Amino acid sequence: MPDLFHRSSSSSKDDGHGRPAKVDSVVVIGLGRFGRSLALELMAAETEVLGIDADAAIIQELSSQLTHAVRADSTSEETMRQLAVHEFDRAVVAIGTNIEASLLTASLLKNLGITNIWAKAISEAHGRILKQLGVPHVVYPEHDMGRRVAHLVKGRMLDFIQFEPDYAMVKTEPPALLLGMPLSQSGVRRAHGVTVVGVKRPDGPFTHATGETVLEPGDMVILSGRPRDVERFSELR
């Protein structure tokens, strides 16, 4: 079986069965908009990527951008074993509209012994079945992006990330009530239920905010708190 990654001994380790385990590498199955974006971002972060898709044109386009790109049927166990997919400990099922292929691929990855699986779902029903198959990480990219953009559209926030139903972080301009005094004296957490966790000067990078931080006009801040609280606070001027 060919080694798709040609890893040196310094970056590989034995998995206990006499074969090199893939270190910091991920197999991404389905290279549509979501899978392509994810795979290229992983490559930018110096993670090796085996990309698999059934579309020859997509594979040809990405062949020079990924560690290895292969046109293959991800529902075939024989094909997946030939590609050494079973040697990976991380896989992403990014197949979109073909729900049957998504479910069969996820089930096959589980049968191959891969435990760290991320799968894209296009509906609640799709996601529910993926979870029933034992997929530990199910994501809803279209739904999540739509919700995020909705928060941005209705407010003055520059970015919004919700981690849990009751916790979010936003990037916004600080209101006048925070300017010119140390954050420890502002009473912002007690009065508004939000915490300033980061600050960016106009010509500098983001840094951690402390009780001694004094905000100035033109600064940018990262706030954390309940979604409703951070949204309301970002509207203050």
C-alpha atoms as a PDB file:
ATOM      1  CA  MET A   1       0.000   0.000   0.000  1.00  0.00           C
ATOM      2  CA  PRO A   2       1.547   3.334  -0.990  1.00  0.00           C
ATOM      3  CA  ASP A   3       2.277   5.924   1.699  1.00  0.00           C
ATOM      4  CA  LEU A   4       0.312   8.938   0.518  1.00  0.00           C
ATOM      5  CA  PHE A   5       2.128  11.337   2.806  1.00  0.00           C
ATOM      6  CA  HIS A   6       5.778  10.179   2.649  1.00  0.00           C
ATOM      7  CA  ARG A   7       6.324  11.201   6.253  1.00  0.00           C
ATOM      8  CA  SER A   8       9.795  11.198   7.715  1.00  0.00           C
ATOM      9  CA  SER A   9      10.597   9.150  10.794  1.00  0.00           C
ATOM     10  CA  SER A  10      10.779  12.321  12.892  1.00  0.00           C
ATOM     11  CA  SER A  11       7.153  13.194  12.193  1.00  0.00           C
ATOM     12  CA  SER A  12       5.652   9.706  12.354  1.00  0.00           C
ATOM     13  CA  LYS A  13       5.024   7.220  15.081  1.00  0.00           C
ATOM     14  CA  ASP A  14       4.188   3.545  15.145  1.00  0.00           C
ATOM     15  CA  ASP A  15       0.535   2.849  15.931  1.00  0.00           C
ATOM     16  CA  GLY A  16       1.308  -0.501  17.565  1.00  0.00           C
ATOM     17  CA  HIS A  17       0.560  -2.543  14.448  1.00  0.00           C
ATOM     18  CA  GLY A  18       3.809  -1.932  12.587  1.00  0.00           C
ATOM     19  CA  ARG A  19       2.466   0.838  10.375  1.00  0.00           C
ATOM     20  CA  PRO A  20       3.129   4.593  10.587  1.00  0.00           C
ATOM     21  CA  ALA A  21       0.255   6.523  12.135  1.00  0.00           C
ATOM     22  CA  LYS A  22      -0.605   9.806  10.481  1.00  0.00           C
ATOM     23  CA  VAL A  23       0.452  12.678  12.749  1.00  0.00           C
ATOM     24  CA  ASP A  24      -1.416  15.983  12.362  1.00  0.00           C
ATOM     25  CA  SER A  25      -3.272  14.835   9.273  1.00  0.00           C
ATOM     26  CA  VAL A  26      -6.953  14.705   8.381  1.00  0.00           C
ATOM     27  CA  VAL A  27      -9.002  13.019   5.683  1.00  0.00           C
ATOM     28  CA  VAL A  28     -11.692  15.295   4.240  1.00  0.00           C
ATOM     29  CA  ILE A  29     -14.398  13.509   2.269  1.00  0.00           C
ATOM     30  CA  GLY A  30     -16.503  15.736   0.042  1.00  0.00           C
ATOM     31  CA  LEU A  31     -14.794  18.785  -1.472  1.00  0.00           C
ATOM     32  CA  GLY A  32     -17.702  21.095  -2.192  1.00  0.00           C
ATOM     33  CA  ARG A  33     -17.698  24.644  -0.861  1.00  0.00           C
ATOM     34  CA  PHE A  34     -17.611  23.612   2.797  1.00  0.00           C
ATOM     35  CA  GLY A  35     -15.164  20.720   2.415  1.00  0.00           C
ATOM     36  CA  ARG A  36     -12.870  22.702   0.122  1.00  0.00           C
ATOM     37  CA  SER A  37     -12.762  25.678   2.479  1.00  0.00           C
ATOM     38  CA  LEU A  38     -12.096  23.431   5.471  1.00  0.00           C
ATOM     39  CA  ALA A  39      -9.381  21.440   3.681  1.00  0.00           C
ATOM     40  CA  LEU A  40      -7.547  24.554   2.482  1.00  0.00           C
ATOM     41  CA  GLU A  41      -7.734  26.102   5.945  1.00  0.00           C
ATOM     42  CA  LEU A  42      -6.226  22.939   7.424  1.00  0.00           C
ATOM     43  CA  MET A  43      -3.445  23.097   4.846  1.00  0.00           C
ATOM     44  CA  ALA A  44      -2.793  26.744   5.750  1.00  0.00           C
ATOM     45  CA  ALA A  45      -2.421  25.581   9.357  1.00  0.00           C
ATOM     46  CA  GLU A  46       0.226  23.047   8.240  1.00  0.00           C
ATOM     47  CA  THR A  47      -2.058  20.040   8.675  1.00  0.00           C
ATOM     48  CA  GLU A  48      -1.694  17.398   5.981  1.00  0.00           C
ATOM     49  CA  VAL A  49      -4.933  16.658   4.143  1.00  0.00           C
ATOM     50  CA  LEU A  50      -6.123  13.706   2.117  1.00  0.00           C
ATOM     51  CA  GLY A  51      -9.067  15.022   0.113  1.00  0.00           C
ATOM     52  CA  ILE A  52     -11.573  12.607  -1.404  1.00  0.00           C
ATOM     53  CA  ASP A  53     -14.382  13.443  -3.820  1.00  0.00           C
ATOM     54  CA  ALA A  54     -16.303  11.685  -6.586  1.00  0.00           C
ATOM     55  CA  ASP A  55     -15.964  14.631  -8.998  1.00  0.00           C
ATOM     56  CA  ALA A  56     -12.888  14.408 -11.217  1.00  0.00           C
ATOM     57  CA  ALA A  57     -12.945  18.134 -12.025  1.00  0.00           C
ATOM     58  CA  ILE A  58     -12.803  19.063  -8.335  1.00  0.00           C
ATOM     59  CA  ILE A  59      -9.925  16.659  -7.735  1.00  0.00           C
ATOM     60  CA  GLN A  60      -7.992  18.059 -10.669  1.00  0.00           C
ATOM     61  CA  GLU A  61      -8.520  21.608  -9.407  1.00  0.00           C
ATOM     62  CA  LEU A  62      -7.363  20.823  -5.862  1.00  0.00           C
ATOM     63  CA  SER A  63      -4.638  18.298  -6.624  1.00  0.00           C
ATOM     64  CA  SER A  64      -1.879  20.904  -6.310  1.00  0.00           C
ATOM     65  CA  GLN A  65      -3.366  22.533  -3.210  1.00  0.00           C
ATOM     66  CA  LEU A  66      -3.831  19.521  -0.922  1.00  0.00           C
ATOM     67  CA  THR A  67      -1.284  17.001   0.305  1.00  0.00           C
ATOM     68  CA  HIS A  68      -3.136  14.402  -1.735  1.00  0.00           C
ATOM     69  CA  ALA A  69      -6.455  14.531  -3.600  1.00  0.00           C
ATOM     70  CA  VAL A  70      -8.182  11.401  -4.878  1.00  0.00           C
ATOM     71  CA  ARG A  71     -11.300  10.716  -6.895  1.00  0.00           C
ATOM     72  CA  ALA A  72     -12.967   7.817  -5.128  1.00  0.00           C
ATOM     73  CA  ASP A  73     -16.213   6.315  -3.875  1.00  0.00           C
ATOM     74  CA  SER A  74     -16.198   6.977  -0.135  1.00  0.00           C
ATOM     75  CA  THR A  75     -18.919   4.373   0.466  1.00  0.00           C
ATOM     76  CA  SER A  76     -16.652   1.521  -0.690  1.00  0.00           C
ATOM     77  CA  GLU A  77     -14.743  -0.105   2.161  1.00  0.00           C
ATOM     78  CA  GLU A  78     -12.248  -1.685  -0.233  1.00  0.00           C
ATOM     79  CA  THR A  79     -11.478   1.701  -1.794  1.00  0.00           C
ATOM     80  CA  MET A  80     -11.116   3.408   1.570  1.00  0.00           C
ATOM     81  CA  ARG A  81      -8.726   0.712   2.785  1.00  0.00           C
ATOM     82  CA  GLN A  82      -6.669   1.045  -0.387  1.00  0.00           C
ATOM     83  CA  LEU A  83      -6.346   4.754   0.403  1.00  0.00           C
ATOM     84  CA  ALA A  84      -5.288   3.894   3.980  1.00  0.00           C
ATOM     85  CA  VAL A  85      -8.166   5.926   5.387  1.00  0.00           C
ATOM     86  CA  HIS A  86      -8.339   3.488   8.308  1.00  0.00           C
ATOM     87  CA  GLU A  87      -4.923   4.751   9.442  1.00  0.00           C
ATOM     88  CA  PHE A  88      -6.297   8.221  10.168  1.00  0.00           C
ATOM     89  CA  ASP A  89      -7.683   9.126  13.562  1.00  0.00           C
ATOM     90  CA  ARG A  90      -9.490  12.253  12.298  1.00  0.00           C
ATOM     91  CA  ALA A  91     -11.960  12.484   9.439  1.00  0.00           C
ATOM     92  CA  VAL A  92     -14.438  15.027   8.126  1.00  0.00           C
ATOM     93  CA  VAL A  93     -17.514  13.966   6.154  1.00  0.00           C
ATOM     94  CA  ALA A  94     -18.294  17.144   4.232  1.00  0.00           C
ATOM     95  CA  ILE A  95     -20.701  15.564   1.741  1.00  0.00           C
ATOM     96  CA  GLY A  96     -23.635  17.903   1.267  1.00  0.00           C
ATOM     97  CA  THR A  97     -26.718  17.119  -0.769  1.00  0.00           C
ATOM     98  CA  ASN A  98     -26.248  13.342  -1.082  1.00  0.00           C
ATOM     99  CA  ILE A  99     -27.516  12.349   2.352  1.00  0.00           C
ATOM    100  CA  GLU A 100     -27.289   8.621   1.600  1.00  0.00           C
ATOM    101  CA  ALA A 101     -23.599   8.906   0.704  1.00  0.00           C
ATOM    102  CA  SER A 102     -23.003  11.019   3.801  1.00  0.00           C
ATOM    103  CA  LEU A 103     -24.570   8.437   6.109  1.00  0.00           C
ATOM    104  CA  LEU A 104     -22.917   5.449   4.429  1.00  0.00           C
ATOM    105  CA  THR A 105     -19.529   7.169   4.557  1.00  0.00           C
ATOM    106  CA  ALA A 106     -19.904   8.065   8.222  1.00  0.00           C
ATOM    107  CA  SER A 107     -20.940   4.506   9.060  1.00  0.00           C
ATOM    108  CA  LEU A 108     -17.971   3.119   7.135  1.00  0.00           C
ATOM    109  CA  LEU A 109     -15.541   5.393   8.954  1.00  0.00           C
ATOM    110  CA  LYS A 110     -16.920   4.151  12.264  1.00  0.00           C
ATOM    111  CA  ASN A 111     -16.487   0.552  11.113  1.00  0.00           C
ATOM    112  CA  LEU A 112     -12.900   1.339  10.112  1.00  0.00           C
ATOM    113  CA  GLY A 113     -12.207   2.327  13.704  1.00  0.00           C
ATOM    114  CA  ILE A 114     -11.967   6.095  13.263  1.00  0.00           C
ATOM    115  CA  THR A 115     -13.299   7.702  16.435  1.00  0.00           C
ATOM    116  CA  ASN A 116     -12.783  11.420  15.822  1.00  0.00           C
ATOM    117  CA  ILE A 117     -15.306  12.102  13.059  1.00  0.00           C
ATOM    118  CA  TRP A 118     -16.801  15.445  12.093  1.00  0.00           C
ATOM    119  CA  ALA A 119     -19.785  15.418   9.740  1.00  0.00           C
ATOM    120  CA  LYS A 120     -21.746  18.116   7.955  1.00  0.00           C
ATOM    121  CA  ALA A 121     -25.536  17.942   8.272  1.00  0.00           C
ATOM    122  CA  ILE A 122     -27.940  19.815   6.014  1.00  0.00           C
ATOM    123  CA  SER A 123     -31.024  19.288   8.177  1.00  0.00           C
ATOM    124  CA  GLU A 124     -32.029  18.371  11.708  1.00  0.00           C
ATOM    125  CA  ALA A 125     -33.097  14.898  10.534  1.00  0.00           C
ATOM    126  CA  HIS A 126     -29.764  14.364   8.785  1.00  0.00           C
ATOM    127  CA  GLY A 127     -27.888  15.422  11.899  1.00  0.00           C
ATOM    128  CA  ARG A 128     -30.012  13.230  14.148  1.00  0.00           C
ATOM    129  CA  ILE A 129     -29.228  10.126  12.094  1.00  0.00           C
ATOM    130  CA  LEU A 130     -25.512  10.971  12.066  1.00  0.00           C
ATOM    131  CA  LYS A 131     -25.589  11.159  15.849  1.00  0.00           C
ATOM    132  CA  GLN A 132     -27.454   7.850  16.014  1.00  0.00           C
ATOM    133  CA  LEU A 133     -24.630   6.335  13.952  1.00  0.00           C
ATOM    134  CA  GLY A 134     -22.221   7.460  16.665  1.00  0.00           C
ATOM    135  CA  VAL A 135     -20.690  10.488  14.928  1.00  0.00           C
ATOM    136  CA  PRO A 136     -19.408  12.616  17.831  1.00  0.00           C
ATOM    137  CA  HIS A 137     -19.237  15.970  16.020  1.00  0.00           C
ATOM    138  CA  VAL A 138     -22.147  17.059  13.814  1.00  0.00           C
ATOM    139  CA  VAL A 139     -22.065  20.579  12.381  1.00  0.00           C
ATOM    140  CA  TYR A 140     -24.659  22.619  10.522  1.00  0.00           C
ATOM    141  CA  PRO A 141     -22.589  25.159   8.543  1.00  0.00           C
ATOM    142  CA  GLU A 142     -25.456  26.794   6.632  1.00  0.00           C
ATOM    143  CA  HIS A 143     -27.677  27.052   9.691  1.00  0.00           C
ATOM    144  CA  ASP A 144     -24.874  28.301  11.932  1.00  0.00           C
ATOM    145  CA  MET A 145     -23.714  30.888   9.393  1.00  0.00           C
ATOM    146  CA  GLY A 146     -27.269  32.099   8.850  1.00  0.00           C
ATOM    147  CA  ARG A 147     -27.759  32.564  12.599  1.00  0.00           C
ATOM    148  CA  ARG A 148     -24.422  34.370  12.927  1.00  0.00           C
ATOM    149  CA  VAL A 149     -25.136  36.749  10.055  1.00  0.00           C
ATOM    150  CA  ALA A 150     -28.617  37.455  11.462  1.00  0.00           C
ATOM    151  CA  HIS A 151     -27.023  38.703  14.689  1.00  0.00           C
ATOM    152  CA  LEU A 152     -24.640  40.916  12.716  1.00  0.00           C
ATOM    153  CA  VAL A 153     -27.357  42.316  10.445  1.00  0.00           C
ATOM    154  CA  LYS A 154     -29.578  43.472  13.279  1.00  0.00           C
ATOM    155  CA  GLY A 155     -26.864  45.119  15.383  1.00  0.00           C
ATOM    156  CA  ARG A 156     -23.660  47.138  15.341  1.00  0.00           C
ATOM    157  CA  MET A 157     -21.437  44.143  16.023  1.00  0.00           C
ATOM    158  CA  LEU A 158     -18.539  43.477  13.683  1.00  0.00           C
ATOM    159  CA  ASP A 159     -18.404  39.775  14.519  1.00  0.00           C
ATOM    160  CA  PHE A 160     -20.475  37.344  16.582  1.00  0.00           C
ATOM    161  CA  ILE A 161     -19.673  33.815  17.784  1.00  0.00           C
ATOM    162  CA  GLN A 162     -22.094  31.807  19.926  1.00  0.00           C
ATOM    163  CA  PHE A 163     -20.538  28.854  21.764  1.00  0.00           C
ATOM    164  CA  GLU A 164     -23.534  27.772  23.834  1.00  0.00           C
ATOM    165  CA  PRO A 165     -27.149  28.970  24.095  1.00  0.00           C
ATOM    166  CA  ASP A 166     -26.139  31.208  27.006  1.00  0.00           C
ATOM    167  CA  TYR A 167     -22.618  32.287  26.006  1.00  0.00           C
ATOM    168  CA  ALA A 168     -21.326  34.352  23.100  1.00  0.00           C
ATOM    169  CA  MET A 169     -18.444  36.617  22.140  1.00  0.00           C
ATOM    170  CA  VAL A 170     -18.655  39.700  19.924  1.00  0.00           C
ATOM    171  CA  LYS A 171     -16.283  42.184  18.356  1.00  0.00           C
ATOM    172  CA  THR A 172     -17.503  45.764  18.504  1.00  0.00           C
ATOM    173  CA  GLU A 173     -16.553  49.387  19.199  1.00  0.00           C
ATOM    174  CA  PRO A 174     -16.666  50.288  22.904  1.00  0.00           C
ATOM    175  CA  PRO A 175     -19.440  52.677  23.993  1.00  0.00           C
ATOM    176  CA  ALA A 176     -18.555  56.062  25.497  1.00  0.00           C
ATOM    177  CA  LEU A 177     -19.274  54.853  29.047  1.00  0.00           C
ATOM    178  CA  LEU A 178     -16.180  52.603  28.902  1.00  0.00           C
ATOM    179  CA  LEU A 179     -13.747  55.238  27.692  1.00  0.00           C
ATOM    180  CA  GLY A 180     -11.164  57.032  29.768  1.00  0.00           C
ATOM    181  CA  MET A 181     -11.218  54.892  32.915  1.00  0.00           C
ATOM    182  CA  PRO A 182      -9.765  51.539  34.011  1.00  0.00           C
ATOM    183  CA  LEU A 183     -12.148  48.671  33.262  1.00  0.00           C
ATOM    184  CA  SER A 184     -12.110  47.721  36.955  1.00  0.00           C
ATOM    185  CA  GLN A 185     -13.825  51.046  37.713  1.00  0.00           C
ATOM    186  CA  SER A 186     -16.395  50.876  34.919  1.00  0.00           C
ATOM    187  CA  GLY A 187     -18.758  48.423  36.604  1.00  0.00           C
ATOM    188  CA  VAL A 188     -19.581  47.004  33.190  1.00  0.00           C
ATOM    189  CA  ARG A 189     -19.938  43.407  34.337  1.00  0.00           C
ATOM    190  CA  ARG A 190     -22.208  44.279  37.242  1.00  0.00           C
ATOM    191  CA  ALA A 191     -24.357  46.753  35.306  1.00  0.00           C
ATOM    192  CA  HIS A 192     -24.551  45.054  31.911  1.00  0.00           C
ATOM    193  CA  GLY A 193     -23.593  41.403  32.428  1.00  0.00           C
ATOM    194  CA  VAL A 194     -20.710  41.489  29.933  1.00  0.00           C
ATOM    195  CA  THR A 195     -16.951  41.138  30.254  1.00  0.00           C
ATOM    196  CA  VAL A 196     -14.310  42.890  28.144  1.00  0.00           C
ATOM    197  CA  VAL A 197     -11.816  40.129  27.366  1.00  0.00           C
ATOM    198  CA  GLY A 198      -9.740  41.708  24.603  1.00  0.00           C
ATOM    199  CA  VAL A 199      -8.826  45.094  23.183  1.00  0.00           C
ATOM    200  CA  LYS A 200      -7.260  46.269  19.932  1.00  0.00           C
ATOM    201  CA  ARG A 201      -5.689  49.676  19.473  1.00  0.00           C
ATOM    202  CA  PRO A 202      -6.121  51.262  16.009  1.00  0.00           C
ATOM    203  CA  ASP A 203      -2.592  50.322  14.915  1.00  0.00           C
ATOM    204  CA  GLY A 204      -1.977  47.243  17.041  1.00  0.00           C
ATOM    205  CA  PRO A 205      -3.007  43.611  17.534  1.00  0.00           C
ATOM    206  CA  PHE A 206      -5.625  42.296  19.937  1.00  0.00           C
ATOM    207  CA  THR A 207      -4.343  41.882  23.500  1.00  0.00           C
ATOM    208  CA  HIS A 208      -5.897  40.600  26.714  1.00  0.00           C
ATOM    209  CA  ALA A 209      -7.877  43.189  28.643  1.00  0.00           C
ATOM    210  CA  THR A 210      -7.169  43.606  32.367  1.00  0.00           C
ATOM    211  CA  GLY A 211      -8.709  45.632  35.153  1.00  0.00           C
ATOM    212  CA  GLU A 212      -6.105  48.332  34.462  1.00  0.00           C
ATOM    213  CA  THR A 213      -6.926  48.602  30.758  1.00  0.00           C
ATOM    214  CA  VAL A 214      -8.146  52.080  29.760  1.00  0.00           C
ATOM    215  CA  LEU A 215     -10.121  52.190  26.502  1.00  0.00           C
ATOM    216  CA  GLU A 216      -9.794  55.078  24.084  1.00  0.00           C
ATOM    217  CA  PRO A 217     -11.771  56.295  21.040  1.00  0.00           C
ATOM    218  CA  GLY A 218     -10.960  54.149  18.006  1.00  0.00           C
ATOM    219  CA  ASP A 219     -10.319  50.992  20.027  1.00  0.00           C
ATOM    220  CA  MET A 220     -11.990  47.679  19.229  1.00  0.00           C
ATOM    221  CA  VAL A 221     -13.070  45.265  21.968  1.00  0.00           C
ATOM    222  CA  ILE A 222     -14.046  41.629  22.367  1.00  0.00           C
ATOM    223  CA  LEU A 223     -16.968  41.153  24.764  1.00  0.00           C
ATOM    224  CA  SER A 224     -18.257  37.940  26.316  1.00  0.00           C
ATOM    225  CA  GLY A 225     -21.563  37.168  28.003  1.00  0.00           C
ATOM    226  CA  ARG A 226     -25.085  36.001  27.274  1.00  0.00           C
ATOM    227  CA  PRO A 227     -26.071  36.620  23.620  1.00  0.00           C
ATOM    228  CA  ARG A 228     -28.815  39.069  24.521  1.00  0.00           C
ATOM    229  CA  ASP A 229     -26.562  40.969  26.917  1.00  0.00           C
ATOM    230  CA  VAL A 230     -23.668  41.375  24.483  1.00  0.00           C
ATOM    231  CA  GLU A 231     -26.058  42.388  21.701  1.00  0.00           C
ATOM    232  CA  ARG A 232     -27.690  45.044  23.854  1.00  0.00           C
ATOM    233  CA  PHE A 233     -24.366  46.347  25.068  1.00  0.00           C
ATOM    234  CA  SER A 234     -22.982  46.618  21.546  1.00  0.00           C
ATOM    235  CA  GLU A 235     -25.859  48.996  20.738  1.00  0.00           C
ATOM    236  CA  LEU A 236     -24.789  51.489  23.394  1.00  0.00           C
ATOM    237  CA  ARG A 237     -22.969  54.562  22.159  1.00  0.00           C
END
